[in-house]
Amino acid sequence: MLNQNKMVRSKTKKAKPASSKRTSIRRRTQKNNRSISRKGKQITPKQKLTLYLNEALSIENIGVQRLQSRIKQTKIENVKQQLQLHLEETRGQQDRLKQLISDLGGGKVAATKDKAQLPIPTPPKSLAKIAGKIMTPAELELKGAKEDAVVEKSEIILYDMLIRMAHLMKVEEAISVLTQNLSEERSMADWIKINTPEMITQLWPEIEASVVMSEEEEQQLR
């Protein structure tokens, strides 16, 4: 009987109520969170967002440089005019981002002057070497237009994400700036999509002239 009483008391001591277990888990979680927070400096939502805004600015910085090169490269007048218009828009985007970074950072966070690397696809060296020898100026024009579209699409995704983050961080003053930039990028992407078929038609005679066909292929085309 005595041994049975000891066993009962032992089990009673070992068994903890569920509420006690939950409290213990919660305390461990809080301790872990404090440990994590001490490892990295805590910053405000505005300070966090300025990091992402500087990333966007670095893309616009290289975007200005690329647009200037494209304007010099293209021989199609309406393309040149559209690129010039978007160059002015991009400069406006730079200015708005710089001002927003200054406002959110309170002068403590400087707007970056660095240039990002644009997400332009690069073919394998073996293909690039061959293409460099046989591509006509017309094909180079189409290549530039394709790269324009890739850049614009990536910027659209970037600004969509930034707007969502600004909402979640409750940094409302950033939303109008980001929305305006997004609208301009979408407009440029739409222009490229609408005008690409006409551009290909205009450039096709030069591309076709560079292709040597067999007599059988020529007869099939007649």
Protein backbone atom coordinates (compact mmCIF):
# COMPACT_ATOMS: atom_id res chain seq x y z
CA MET A 1 0.00 0.00 0.00
CA LEU A 2 2.83 2.33 0.86
CA ASN A 3 4.57 1.59 -2.42
CA GLN A 4 1.36 2.31 -4.33
CA ASN A 5 1.02 5.73 -2.64
CA LYS A 6 4.60 6.58 -3.61
CA MET A 7 3.90 5.63 -7.20
CA VAL A 8 0.79 7.81 -7.31
CA ARG A 9 2.69 10.81 -5.88
CA SER A 10 5.48 10.25 -8.39
CA LYS A 11 3.08 10.24 -11.33
CA THR A 12 1.36 13.34 -9.96
CA LYS A 13 4.65 15.21 -9.88
CA LYS A 14 5.61 14.16 -13.42
CA ALA A 15 2.26 14.99 -15.00
CA LYS A 16 1.93 18.71 -15.73
CA PRO A 17 -1.35 20.35 -16.75
CA ALA A 18 -1.76 21.39 -20.42
CA SER A 19 -1.93 25.08 -19.48
CA SER A 20 1.47 24.81 -17.82
CA LYS A 21 2.95 23.22 -20.97
CA ARG A 22 1.54 26.00 -23.17
CA THR A 23 3.00 28.64 -20.85
CA SER A 24 6.39 26.94 -20.98
CA ILE A 25 6.33 26.79 -24.80
CA ARG A 26 5.28 30.45 -25.01
CA ARG A 27 8.14 31.49 -22.72
CA ARG A 28 10.66 29.56 -24.81
CA THR A 29 9.32 31.16 -27.99
CA GLN A 30 9.55 34.65 -26.50
CA LYS A 31 13.08 33.92 -25.34
CA ASN A 32 14.06 32.74 -28.82
CA ASN A 33 12.50 35.83 -30.40
CA ARG A 34 14.45 38.09 -28.03
CA SER A 35 17.60 36.18 -28.88
CA ILE A 36 16.98 36.66 -32.61
CA SER A 37 16.18 40.36 -32.19
CA ARG A 38 19.45 40.94 -30.34
CA LYS A 39 21.42 39.46 -33.22
CA GLY A 40 20.22 42.10 -35.73
CA LYS A 41 19.54 45.79 -35.28
CA GLN A 42 15.84 46.56 -35.24
CA ILE A 43 14.68 49.16 -37.76
CA THR A 44 11.36 50.86 -38.44
CA PRO A 45 9.11 50.00 -41.41
CA LYS A 46 10.10 53.27 -43.10
CA GLN A 47 13.78 52.49 -42.72
CA LYS A 48 13.21 48.99 -44.07
CA LEU A 49 11.28 50.30 -47.06
CA THR A 50 14.04 52.79 -47.93
CA LEU A 51 16.36 49.83 -48.54
CA TYR A 52 13.98 48.50 -51.18
CA LEU A 53 13.43 51.98 -52.60
CA ASN A 54 17.19 52.33 -53.06
CA GLU A 55 17.17 49.04 -54.94
CA ALA A 56 14.50 50.45 -57.27
CA LEU A 57 16.52 53.64 -57.66
CA SER A 58 19.64 51.70 -58.65
CA ILE A 59 17.59 50.06 -61.43
CA GLU A 60 16.33 53.44 -62.64
CA ASN A 61 19.92 54.74 -62.55
CA ILE A 62 21.09 52.09 -64.99
CA GLY A 63 17.83 52.46 -66.88
CA VAL A 64 18.69 56.06 -67.78
CA GLN A 65 22.07 54.97 -69.09
CA ARG A 66 20.56 52.17 -71.17
CA LEU A 67 17.82 54.37 -72.65
CA GLN A 68 20.43 56.90 -73.76
CA SER A 69 22.29 54.11 -75.59
CA ARG A 70 19.09 52.81 -77.19
CA ILE A 71 18.14 56.27 -78.45
CA LYS A 72 21.49 56.51 -80.22
CA GLN A 73 21.19 52.96 -81.57
CA THR A 74 17.70 52.92 -83.08
CA LYS A 75 17.05 54.13 -86.62
CA ILE A 76 13.25 53.91 -86.34
CA GLU A 77 11.91 57.39 -85.69
CA ASN A 78 8.79 56.51 -83.66
CA VAL A 79 10.88 54.17 -81.48
CA LYS A 80 13.41 56.94 -80.91
CA GLN A 81 10.64 59.34 -79.90
CA GLN A 82 9.08 56.83 -77.48
CA LEU A 83 12.44 56.01 -75.91
CA GLN A 84 13.12 59.73 -75.48
CA LEU A 85 9.75 60.15 -73.77
CA HIS A 86 10.45 57.24 -71.44
CA LEU A 87 13.91 58.61 -70.69
CA GLU A 88 12.29 61.78 -69.35
CA GLU A 89 9.81 59.66 -67.37
CA THR A 90 12.65 57.60 -65.91
CA ARG A 91 14.47 60.74 -64.81
CA GLY A 92 11.25 61.81 -63.10
CA GLN A 93 11.06 58.42 -61.40
CA GLN A 94 14.61 58.89 -60.14
CA ASP A 95 13.74 62.29 -58.68
CA ARG A 96 10.59 61.00 -56.98
CA LEU A 97 12.42 58.03 -55.46
CA LYS A 98 15.24 60.25 -54.21
CA GLN A 99 12.78 62.62 -52.55
CA LEU A 100 10.81 59.75 -51.02
CA ILE A 101 13.97 58.14 -49.64
CA SER A 102 14.96 61.48 -48.10
CA ASP A 103 11.50 61.97 -46.58
CA LEU A 104 11.27 58.49 -45.10
CA GLY A 105 14.86 58.40 -43.89
CA GLY A 106 14.72 61.84 -42.37
CA GLY A 107 17.97 62.76 -44.10
CA LYS A 108 19.82 59.85 -42.47
CA VAL A 109 19.54 57.53 -45.48
CA ALA A 110 21.19 58.74 -48.68
CA ALA A 111 19.74 57.95 -52.09
CA THR A 112 22.06 55.58 -53.90
CA LYS A 113 24.05 56.60 -56.95
CA ASP A 114 24.93 53.01 -57.75
CA LYS A 115 23.62 51.20 -60.81
CA ALA A 116 22.04 47.77 -60.68
CA GLN A 117 22.55 45.02 -63.21
CA LEU A 118 19.53 44.78 -65.50
CA PRO A 119 17.85 41.37 -65.90
CA ILE A 120 18.61 41.09 -69.62
CA PRO A 121 18.94 37.48 -70.85
CA THR A 122 22.34 36.60 -72.28
CA PRO A 123 22.68 33.73 -74.78
CA PRO A 124 25.44 31.15 -74.44
CA LYS A 125 28.82 32.33 -75.69
CA SER A 126 28.74 29.81 -78.53
CA LEU A 127 25.46 31.23 -79.88
CA ALA A 128 26.40 34.84 -79.20
CA LYS A 129 29.59 34.42 -81.22
CA ILE A 130 27.71 33.07 -84.23
CA ALA A 131 24.90 35.63 -83.94
CA GLY A 132 27.42 38.46 -83.78
CA LYS A 133 28.71 37.48 -87.20
CA ILE A 134 25.39 37.07 -89.02
CA MET A 135 22.93 39.47 -87.32
CA THR A 136 21.83 42.43 -89.44
CA PRO A 137 21.21 45.93 -88.04
CA ALA A 138 17.48 45.15 -88.31
CA GLU A 139 17.90 42.10 -86.11
CA LEU A 140 19.91 44.11 -83.62
CA GLU A 141 17.00 46.55 -83.54
CA LEU A 142 14.59 43.73 -82.69
CA LYS A 143 17.01 42.43 -80.07
CA GLY A 144 17.00 45.86 -78.42
CA ALA A 145 13.19 45.95 -78.45
CA LYS A 146 13.04 42.49 -76.88
CA GLU A 147 15.40 43.60 -74.12
CA ASP A 148 13.32 46.76 -73.60
CA ALA A 149 10.27 44.57 -72.96
CA VAL A 150 12.14 42.36 -70.47
CA VAL A 151 13.36 45.38 -68.51
CA GLU A 152 9.92 46.99 -68.39
CA LYS A 153 8.24 43.76 -67.23
CA SER A 154 10.77 43.33 -64.42
CA GLU A 155 10.20 46.92 -63.27
CA ILE A 156 6.44 46.38 -63.28
CA ILE A 157 6.86 43.39 -60.97
CA LEU A 158 9.25 45.39 -58.77
CA TYR A 159 6.85 48.31 -58.29
CA ASP A 160 3.87 45.97 -57.76
CA MET A 161 5.78 44.33 -54.90
CA LEU A 162 6.88 47.66 -53.41
CA ILE A 163 3.32 48.98 -53.39
CA ARG A 164 2.12 45.85 -51.60
CA MET A 165 4.92 46.13 -49.03
CA ALA A 166 4.18 49.82 -48.46
CA HIS A 167 0.55 48.91 -47.72
CA LEU A 168 1.54 46.18 -45.26
CA MET A 169 4.12 48.42 -43.59
CA LYS A 170 1.50 51.22 -43.47
CA VAL A 171 3.88 53.67 -45.16
CA GLU A 172 1.06 55.37 -47.00
CA GLU A 173 3.11 58.33 -48.25
CA ALA A 174 5.13 55.98 -50.48
CA ILE A 175 2.16 54.54 -52.34
CA SER A 176 1.36 57.48 -54.64
CA VAL A 177 5.00 57.74 -55.80
CA LEU A 178 5.28 54.01 -56.45
CA THR A 179 1.91 53.95 -58.22
CA GLN A 180 2.96 56.74 -60.59
CA ASN A 181 6.21 54.94 -61.42
CA LEU A 182 4.31 51.71 -61.98
CA SER A 183 1.84 53.43 -64.31
CA GLU A 184 4.67 54.80 -66.47
CA GLU A 185 6.38 51.41 -66.69
CA ARG A 186 3.12 49.73 -67.69
CA SER A 187 2.51 52.37 -70.33
CA MET A 188 5.95 51.77 -71.85
CA ALA A 189 5.49 47.97 -71.76
CA ASP A 190 2.10 48.33 -73.49
CA TRP A 191 3.63 50.54 -76.18
CA ILE A 192 6.31 47.95 -76.93
CA LYS A 193 3.73 45.16 -77.13
CA ILE A 194 1.43 47.10 -79.46
CA ASN A 195 4.18 48.36 -81.77
CA THR A 196 6.33 45.23 -82.05
CA PRO A 197 4.34 43.66 -84.95
CA GLU A 198 4.66 46.84 -87.01
CA MET A 199 8.36 47.05 -86.17
CA ILE A 200 8.95 43.49 -87.37
CA THR A 201 7.07 44.20 -90.60
CA GLN A 202 9.14 47.31 -91.19
CA LEU A 203 12.45 45.52 -90.54
CA TRP A 204 11.63 42.25 -92.30
CA PRO A 205 12.83 43.19 -95.83
CA GLU A 206 16.36 43.77 -94.50
CA ILE A 207 16.30 40.52 -92.54
CA GLU A 208 14.90 38.59 -95.50
CA ALA A 209 17.57 39.96 -97.81
CA SER A 210 20.25 38.49 -95.54
CA VAL A 211 18.85 34.97 -95.90
CA VAL A 212 20.16 32.81 -98.75
CA MET A 213 17.56 30.29 -99.85
CA SER A 214 17.86 27.26 -102.04
CA GLU A 215 16.12 27.12 -105.42
CA GLU A 216 13.55 24.71 -103.99
CA GLU A 217 12.69 27.09 -101.13
CA GLU A 218 12.36 30.01 -103.56
CA GLN A 219 9.94 28.02 -105.73
CA GLN A 220 7.83 27.17 -102.69
CA LEU A 221 7.53 30.86 -101.86
CA ARG A 222 6.36 31.75 -105.38
